[in-house]
Amino acid sequence: MKQKLIVLFLVLIFSISFYSCSGPYTAEDNGRTIELSIDDPFEIELEGNPTTGYIWDVLSYDSTIIKQIGKADYQPLSDAIGTGGKYTFKFQTITSGSTTLHLIYYKTFEKDILPIKTFGMKVISGTMGRIEAE
């Protein structure tokens, strides 16, 4: 009986930690500060429509604090031509520290034009429950 309780407890702890993976964060989280532990994965999902010529792209972050996992994934909302969808960016914290992650929505072929949308999020890694956000 005691062994079953221990196994149940471990499964519960694993489930909580699995579901505590942060995100997905969306445009509503623009400007937000998040606090994560080291090796925590997190996702950012942003709506866009590449058929208009615009794409979401990562502009900058400190690659000693977080890393991007793979390339951005784009999923259209429907099979209809010209409909928008969502871009999903996957990241993971890799060490203690903080960085600001910047993404931009722009036309890659327009070099001197500012992005029409931006997304920024401060990521604090390795806080282990300590609140460090300002």
N, C-alpha and C. Protein backbone atom coordinates (compact mmCIF):
# COMPACT_ATOMS: atom_id res chain seq x y z
N MET A 1 0.83 -1.19 0.00
CA MET A 1 0.00 0.00 0.00
C MET A 1 0.88 1.26 0.00
N LYS A 2 1.90 1.28 0.84
CA LYS A 2 2.77 2.43 0.93
C LYS A 2 3.50 2.67 -0.39
N GLN A 3 3.90 1.58 -1.04
CA GLN A 3 4.60 1.68 -2.32
C GLN A 3 3.67 2.26 -3.40
N LYS A 4 2.40 1.87 -3.37
CA LYS A 4 1.44 2.40 -4.33
C LYS A 4 1.24 3.90 -4.13
N LEU A 5 1.20 4.35 -2.89
CA LEU A 5 1.05 5.77 -2.59
C LEU A 5 2.26 6.56 -3.09
N ILE A 6 3.45 5.98 -2.94
CA ILE A 6 4.66 6.66 -3.41
C ILE A 6 4.63 6.78 -4.93
N VAL A 7 4.25 5.71 -5.60
CA VAL A 7 4.17 5.75 -7.06
C VAL A 7 3.12 6.77 -7.51
N LEU A 8 1.97 6.77 -6.86
CA LEU A 8 0.92 7.73 -7.18
C LEU A 8 1.40 9.16 -6.97
N PHE A 9 2.10 9.39 -5.88
CA PHE A 9 2.65 10.71 -5.58
C PHE A 9 3.64 11.14 -6.66
N LEU A 10 4.52 10.24 -7.07
CA LEU A 10 5.50 10.56 -8.11
C LEU A 10 4.83 10.86 -9.45
N VAL A 11 3.80 10.09 -9.77
CA VAL A 11 3.06 10.34 -11.01
C VAL A 11 2.39 11.71 -10.95
N LEU A 12 1.83 12.05 -9.81
CA LEU A 12 1.19 13.35 -9.64
C LEU A 12 2.21 14.48 -9.79
N ILE A 13 3.34 14.36 -9.17
CA ILE A 13 4.38 15.39 -9.27
C ILE A 13 4.85 15.53 -10.71
N PHE A 14 5.08 14.39 -11.39
CA PHE A 14 5.50 14.43 -12.79
C PHE A 14 4.44 15.11 -13.65
N SER A 15 3.18 14.78 -13.42
CA SER A 15 2.09 15.37 -14.20
C SER A 15 2.02 16.88 -14.00
N ILE A 16 2.16 17.32 -12.78
CA ILE A 16 2.13 18.75 -12.49
C ILE A 16 3.29 19.45 -13.18
N SER A 17 4.48 18.87 -13.09
CA SER A 17 5.64 19.51 -13.72
C SER A 17 5.51 19.49 -15.23
N PHE A 18 4.92 18.44 -15.80
CA PHE A 18 4.73 18.36 -17.24
C PHE A 18 3.75 19.43 -17.70
N TYR A 19 2.65 19.57 -17.00
CA TYR A 19 1.65 20.54 -17.40
C TYR A 19 2.03 21.96 -17.01
N SER A 20 3.06 22.14 -16.21
CA SER A 20 3.47 23.48 -15.86
C SER A 20 4.38 24.08 -16.91
N CYS A 21 4.67 23.31 -17.98
CA CYS A 21 5.43 23.87 -19.08
C CYS A 21 4.69 25.14 -19.51
N SER A 22 5.41 26.18 -19.62
CA SER A 22 4.78 27.48 -19.80
C SER A 22 4.27 27.68 -21.21
N GLY A 23 3.12 28.33 -21.23
CA GLY A 23 2.58 28.73 -22.50
C GLY A 23 1.48 27.81 -22.98
N PRO A 24 1.06 27.98 -24.17
CA PRO A 24 1.68 28.92 -25.11
C PRO A 24 1.31 30.36 -24.76
N TYR A 25 2.29 31.22 -24.92
CA TYR A 25 2.06 32.65 -24.74
C TYR A 25 1.57 33.20 -26.06
N THR A 26 0.74 34.23 -26.00
CA THR A 26 0.12 34.80 -27.20
C THR A 26 0.35 36.30 -27.24
N ALA A 27 -0.24 36.96 -28.23
CA ALA A 27 -0.11 38.41 -28.37
C ALA A 27 -0.56 39.14 -27.10
N GLU A 28 -1.47 38.54 -26.35
CA GLU A 28 -1.93 39.15 -25.10
C GLU A 28 -0.82 39.23 -24.06
N ASP A 29 0.23 38.43 -24.23
CA ASP A 29 1.35 38.42 -23.29
C ASP A 29 2.48 39.36 -23.70
N ASN A 30 2.27 40.12 -24.75
CA ASN A 30 3.28 41.08 -25.21
C ASN A 30 3.63 42.04 -24.07
N GLY A 31 4.91 42.18 -23.80
CA GLY A 31 5.37 43.06 -22.73
C GLY A 31 5.45 42.41 -21.36
N ARG A 32 5.04 41.18 -21.25
CA ARG A 32 5.00 40.46 -19.99
C ARG A 32 6.39 39.97 -19.57
N THR A 33 6.58 39.78 -18.28
CA THR A 33 7.78 39.13 -17.73
C THR A 33 7.37 37.77 -17.21
N ILE A 34 8.12 36.75 -17.61
CA ILE A 34 7.84 35.39 -17.12
C ILE A 34 9.06 34.88 -16.37
N GLU A 35 8.82 34.05 -15.37
CA GLU A 35 9.89 33.45 -14.58
C GLU A 35 9.82 31.94 -14.70
N LEU A 36 10.92 31.34 -15.10
CA LEU A 36 10.98 29.91 -15.33
C LEU A 36 12.20 29.31 -14.64
N SER A 37 12.18 28.01 -14.49
CA SER A 37 13.34 27.29 -13.99
C SER A 37 14.26 26.97 -15.16
N ILE A 38 15.46 26.57 -14.86
CA ILE A 38 16.40 26.16 -15.90
C ILE A 38 15.86 24.89 -16.58
N ASP A 39 16.01 24.82 -17.88
CA ASP A 39 15.56 23.72 -18.75
C ASP A 39 14.05 23.69 -18.96
N ASP A 40 13.35 24.76 -18.62
CA ASP A 40 11.90 24.83 -18.86
C ASP A 40 11.62 25.17 -20.31
N PRO A 41 10.77 24.39 -20.97
CA PRO A 41 10.34 24.75 -22.32
C PRO A 41 9.19 25.76 -22.25
N PHE A 42 9.08 26.58 -23.29
CA PHE A 42 7.92 27.47 -23.40
C PHE A 42 7.67 27.76 -24.88
N GLU A 43 6.43 28.11 -25.19
CA GLU A 43 6.03 28.37 -26.57
C GLU A 43 5.37 29.73 -26.69
N ILE A 44 5.53 30.31 -27.87
CA ILE A 44 4.85 31.55 -28.21
C ILE A 44 4.06 31.29 -29.48
N GLU A 45 2.76 31.59 -29.47
CA GLU A 45 1.89 31.44 -30.64
C GLU A 45 1.37 32.81 -31.04
N LEU A 46 1.61 33.17 -32.30
CA LEU A 46 1.17 34.46 -32.81
C LEU A 46 0.45 34.28 -34.13
N GLU A 47 -0.64 35.02 -34.30
CA GLU A 47 -1.43 34.92 -35.52
C GLU A 47 -0.76 35.71 -36.64
N GLY A 48 -0.84 35.16 -37.83
CA GLY A 48 -0.27 35.83 -38.99
C GLY A 48 -0.81 35.23 -40.27
N ASN A 49 -0.42 35.86 -41.39
CA ASN A 49 -0.88 35.39 -42.69
C ASN A 49 0.24 35.57 -43.71
N PRO A 50 1.02 34.52 -43.97
CA PRO A 50 2.14 34.65 -44.89
C PRO A 50 1.73 34.93 -46.33
N THR A 51 0.46 34.69 -46.70
CA THR A 51 0.03 34.98 -48.07
C THR A 51 0.00 36.48 -48.34
N THR A 52 0.06 37.30 -47.29
CA THR A 52 0.11 38.75 -47.45
C THR A 52 1.54 39.24 -47.62
N GLY A 53 2.49 38.33 -47.49
CA GLY A 53 3.90 38.71 -47.57
C GLY A 53 4.53 38.93 -46.21
N TYR A 54 3.72 38.97 -45.17
CA TYR A 54 4.23 39.17 -43.81
C TYR A 54 4.51 37.83 -43.14
N ILE A 55 5.57 37.80 -42.35
CA ILE A 55 5.89 36.62 -41.54
C ILE A 55 6.33 37.08 -40.15
N TRP A 56 6.17 36.19 -39.19
CA TRP A 56 6.74 36.41 -37.86
C TRP A 56 8.15 35.82 -37.87
N ASP A 57 9.08 36.53 -37.25
CA ASP A 57 10.46 36.08 -37.18
C ASP A 57 11.07 36.53 -35.86
N VAL A 58 12.03 35.77 -35.37
CA VAL A 58 12.75 36.13 -34.15
C VAL A 58 13.75 37.22 -34.49
N LEU A 59 13.71 38.31 -33.75
CA LEU A 59 14.65 39.40 -33.97
C LEU A 59 15.87 39.24 -33.08
N SER A 60 15.62 39.01 -31.75
CA SER A 60 16.77 38.92 -30.85
C SER A 60 16.41 38.29 -29.52
N TYR A 61 17.43 37.73 -28.87
CA TYR A 61 17.38 37.23 -27.50
C TYR A 61 18.81 36.84 -27.14
N ASP A 62 19.07 36.65 -25.86
CA ASP A 62 20.39 36.22 -25.40
C ASP A 62 20.44 34.70 -25.47
N SER A 63 21.23 34.19 -26.41
CA SER A 63 21.30 32.74 -26.62
C SER A 63 22.08 32.02 -25.54
N THR A 64 22.62 32.74 -24.56
CA THR A 64 23.24 32.07 -23.41
C THR A 64 22.21 31.79 -22.32
N ILE A 65 21.03 32.39 -22.43
CA ILE A 65 19.96 32.23 -21.43
C ILE A 65 18.86 31.29 -21.94
N ILE A 66 18.43 31.48 -23.19
CA ILE A 66 17.41 30.62 -23.79
C ILE A 66 17.88 30.18 -25.17
N LYS A 67 17.26 29.11 -25.66
CA LYS A 67 17.55 28.66 -27.02
C LYS A 67 16.24 28.37 -27.73
N GLN A 68 16.26 28.58 -29.05
CA GLN A 68 15.10 28.25 -29.85
C GLN A 68 15.18 26.77 -30.22
N ILE A 69 14.06 26.09 -30.11
CA ILE A 69 13.98 24.67 -30.44
C ILE A 69 13.38 24.56 -31.84
N GLY A 70 14.19 24.24 -32.82
CA GLY A 70 13.71 24.11 -34.19
C GLY A 70 13.31 25.43 -34.80
N LYS A 71 12.69 25.35 -35.95
CA LYS A 71 12.20 26.54 -36.65
C LYS A 71 10.75 26.79 -36.27
N ALA A 72 10.29 27.99 -36.54
CA ALA A 72 8.89 28.32 -36.29
C ALA A 72 7.99 27.42 -37.13
N ASP A 73 6.89 27.02 -36.55
CA ASP A 73 5.91 26.19 -37.24
C ASP A 73 4.72 27.06 -37.59
N TYR A 74 4.23 26.96 -38.82
CA TYR A 74 3.04 27.70 -39.23
C TYR A 74 1.91 26.72 -39.51
N GLN A 75 0.74 26.97 -38.94
CA GLN A 75 -0.45 26.15 -39.15
C GLN A 75 -1.58 27.06 -39.62
N PRO A 76 -2.08 26.88 -40.85
CA PRO A 76 -3.23 27.69 -41.28
C PRO A 76 -4.47 27.32 -40.48
N LEU A 77 -5.37 28.29 -40.33
CA LEU A 77 -6.61 28.04 -39.58
C LEU A 77 -7.61 27.22 -40.38
N SER A 78 -7.47 27.22 -41.72
CA SER A 78 -8.34 26.41 -42.56
C SER A 78 -7.59 26.04 -43.83
N ASP A 79 -8.23 25.23 -44.67
CA ASP A 79 -7.64 24.83 -45.94
C ASP A 79 -7.87 25.86 -47.04
N ALA A 80 -8.67 26.87 -46.78
CA ALA A 80 -8.97 27.89 -47.78
C ALA A 80 -7.72 28.72 -48.09
N ILE A 81 -7.51 28.99 -49.35
CA ILE A 81 -6.35 29.77 -49.77
C ILE A 81 -6.47 31.20 -49.25
N GLY A 82 -5.37 31.71 -48.73
CA GLY A 82 -5.32 33.10 -48.27
C GLY A 82 -5.75 33.33 -46.84
N THR A 83 -6.15 32.27 -46.14
CA THR A 83 -6.54 32.46 -44.74
C THR A 83 -5.30 32.51 -43.86
N GLY A 84 -5.44 33.16 -42.75
CA GLY A 84 -4.35 33.26 -41.80
C GLY A 84 -4.23 32.01 -40.96
N GLY A 85 -3.30 32.07 -40.04
CA GLY A 85 -3.07 30.94 -39.16
C GLY A 85 -2.25 31.38 -37.98
N LYS A 86 -1.49 30.44 -37.43
CA LYS A 86 -0.67 30.79 -36.27
C LYS A 86 0.74 30.25 -36.44
N TYR A 87 1.67 31.08 -36.00
CA TYR A 87 3.07 30.70 -35.94
C TYR A 87 3.36 30.25 -34.53
N THR A 88 4.06 29.14 -34.39
CA THR A 88 4.45 28.65 -33.07
C THR A 88 5.97 28.61 -32.98
N PHE A 89 6.49 29.31 -31.99
CA PHE A 89 7.92 29.33 -31.72
C PHE A 89 8.16 28.58 -30.42
N LYS A 90 9.12 27.66 -30.42
CA LYS A 90 9.44 26.88 -29.22
C LYS A 90 10.82 27.28 -28.71
N PHE A 91 10.89 27.47 -27.40
CA PHE A 91 12.14 27.86 -26.74
C PHE A 91 12.34 27.02 -25.49
N GLN A 92 13.54 27.10 -24.96
CA GLN A 92 13.85 26.44 -23.69
C GLN A 92 14.90 27.27 -22.97
N THR A 93 14.72 27.42 -21.66
CA THR A 93 15.75 28.10 -20.88
C THR A 93 16.93 27.15 -20.73
N ILE A 94 18.15 27.71 -20.67
CA ILE A 94 19.33 26.85 -20.58
C ILE A 94 20.25 27.18 -19.41
N THR A 95 20.11 28.37 -18.83
CA THR A 95 20.92 28.74 -17.68
C THR A 95 20.23 29.88 -16.93
N SER A 96 20.75 30.24 -15.79
CA SER A 96 20.19 31.34 -15.01
C SER A 96 20.49 32.68 -15.67
N GLY A 97 19.54 33.58 -15.56
CA GLY A 97 19.74 34.93 -16.08
C GLY A 97 18.44 35.48 -16.62
N SER A 98 18.54 36.59 -17.31
CA SER A 98 17.35 37.18 -17.93
C SER A 98 17.69 37.72 -19.31
N THR A 99 16.68 37.70 -20.16
CA THR A 99 16.82 38.21 -21.52
C THR A 99 15.46 38.69 -21.98
N THR A 100 15.46 39.56 -22.95
CA THR A 100 14.22 39.97 -23.57
C THR A 100 14.17 39.36 -24.96
N LEU A 101 13.11 38.64 -25.22
CA LEU A 101 12.88 37.97 -26.48
C LEU A 101 12.05 38.90 -27.37
N HIS A 102 12.56 39.21 -28.56
CA HIS A 102 11.86 40.10 -29.49
C HIS A 102 11.52 39.36 -30.77
N LEU A 103 10.26 39.48 -31.19
CA LEU A 103 9.81 38.93 -32.47
C LEU A 103 9.19 40.06 -33.28
N ILE A 104 9.28 39.95 -34.61
CA ILE A 104 8.72 40.98 -35.47
C ILE A 104 7.87 40.35 -36.56
N TYR A 105 6.86 41.09 -37.00
CA TYR A 105 5.97 40.69 -38.10
C TYR A 105 6.22 41.68 -39.22
N TYR A 106 6.84 41.21 -40.29
CA TYR A 106 7.31 42.11 -41.33
C TYR A 106 7.38 41.39 -42.67
N LYS A 107 7.63 42.17 -43.72
CA LYS A 107 7.86 41.62 -45.06
C LYS A 107 9.37 41.54 -45.25
N THR A 108 9.87 40.35 -45.49
CA THR A 108 11.32 40.15 -45.59
C THR A 108 11.93 40.90 -46.77
N PHE A 109 11.14 41.17 -47.78
CA PHE A 109 11.66 41.84 -48.97
C PHE A 109 11.60 43.36 -48.88
N GLU A 110 11.04 43.90 -47.80
CA GLU A 110 11.01 45.35 -47.59
C GLU A 110 12.05 45.72 -46.54
N LYS A 111 13.21 46.09 -46.98
CA LYS A 111 14.35 46.31 -46.08
C LYS A 111 14.24 47.58 -45.24
N ASP A 112 13.65 48.64 -45.76
CA ASP A 112 13.62 49.91 -45.04
C ASP A 112 12.28 50.23 -44.39
N ILE A 113 11.42 49.24 -44.29
CA ILE A 113 10.09 49.42 -43.71
C ILE A 113 10.06 48.77 -42.33
N LEU A 114 9.52 49.50 -41.36
CA LEU A 114 9.41 48.95 -40.01
C LEU A 114 8.39 47.82 -39.95
N PRO A 115 8.56 46.89 -39.01
CA PRO A 115 7.56 45.82 -38.85
C PRO A 115 6.20 46.42 -38.47
N ILE A 116 5.12 45.75 -38.91
CA ILE A 116 3.80 46.27 -38.56
C ILE A 116 3.36 45.80 -37.18
N LYS A 117 4.00 44.73 -36.67
CA LYS A 117 3.72 44.24 -35.32
C LYS A 117 5.03 43.80 -34.69
N THR A 118 5.08 43.92 -33.37
CA THR A 118 6.23 43.41 -32.63
C THR A 118 5.72 42.66 -31.40
N PHE A 119 6.55 41.78 -30.89
CA PHE A 119 6.23 41.04 -29.67
C PHE A 119 7.50 41.01 -28.84
N GLY A 120 7.37 41.34 -27.56
CA GLY A 120 8.50 41.30 -26.65
C GLY A 120 8.10 40.69 -25.32
N MET A 121 9.00 39.89 -24.78
CA MET A 121 8.74 39.24 -23.50
C MET A 121 10.07 39.10 -22.75
N LYS A 122 10.08 39.53 -21.51
CA LYS A 122 11.26 39.34 -20.68
C LYS A 122 11.18 37.95 -20.05
N VAL A 123 12.26 37.19 -20.18
CA VAL A 123 12.33 35.84 -19.64
C VAL A 123 13.39 35.81 -18.56
N ILE A 124 12.97 35.45 -17.35
CA ILE A 124 13.89 35.30 -16.23
C ILE A 124 14.00 33.81 -15.95
N SER A 125 15.20 33.29 -16.00
CA SER A 125 15.43 31.85 -15.87
C SER A 125 16.21 31.53 -14.61
N GLY A 126 15.86 30.42 -13.97
CA GLY A 126 16.60 29.95 -12.82
C GLY A 126 16.21 30.56 -11.51
N THR A 127 14.99 31.10 -11.42
CA THR A 127 14.57 31.77 -10.20
C THR A 127 14.15 30.80 -9.11
N MET A 128 13.81 29.58 -9.50
CA MET A 128 13.39 28.53 -8.56
C MET A 128 12.40 29.04 -7.52
N GLY A 129 11.40 29.77 -8.00
CA GLY A 129 10.34 30.22 -7.12
C GLY A 129 10.55 31.60 -6.52
N ARG A 130 11.75 32.16 -6.68
CA ARG A 130 11.99 33.51 -6.16
C ARG A 130 11.43 34.52 -7.15
N ILE A 131 10.70 35.46 -6.66
CA ILE A 131 10.14 36.49 -7.55
C ILE A 131 11.19 37.55 -7.77
N GLU A 132 11.58 37.73 -9.04
CA GLU A 132 12.59 38.73 -9.37
C GLU A 132 12.06 39.77 -10.34
N ALA A 133 10.85 39.60 -10.81
CA ALA A 133 10.29 40.53 -11.78
C ALA A 133 10.09 41.89 -11.13
N GLU A 134 10.26 42.91 -11.93
CA GLU A 134 10.08 44.28 -11.40
C GLU A 134 8.65 44.70 -11.54
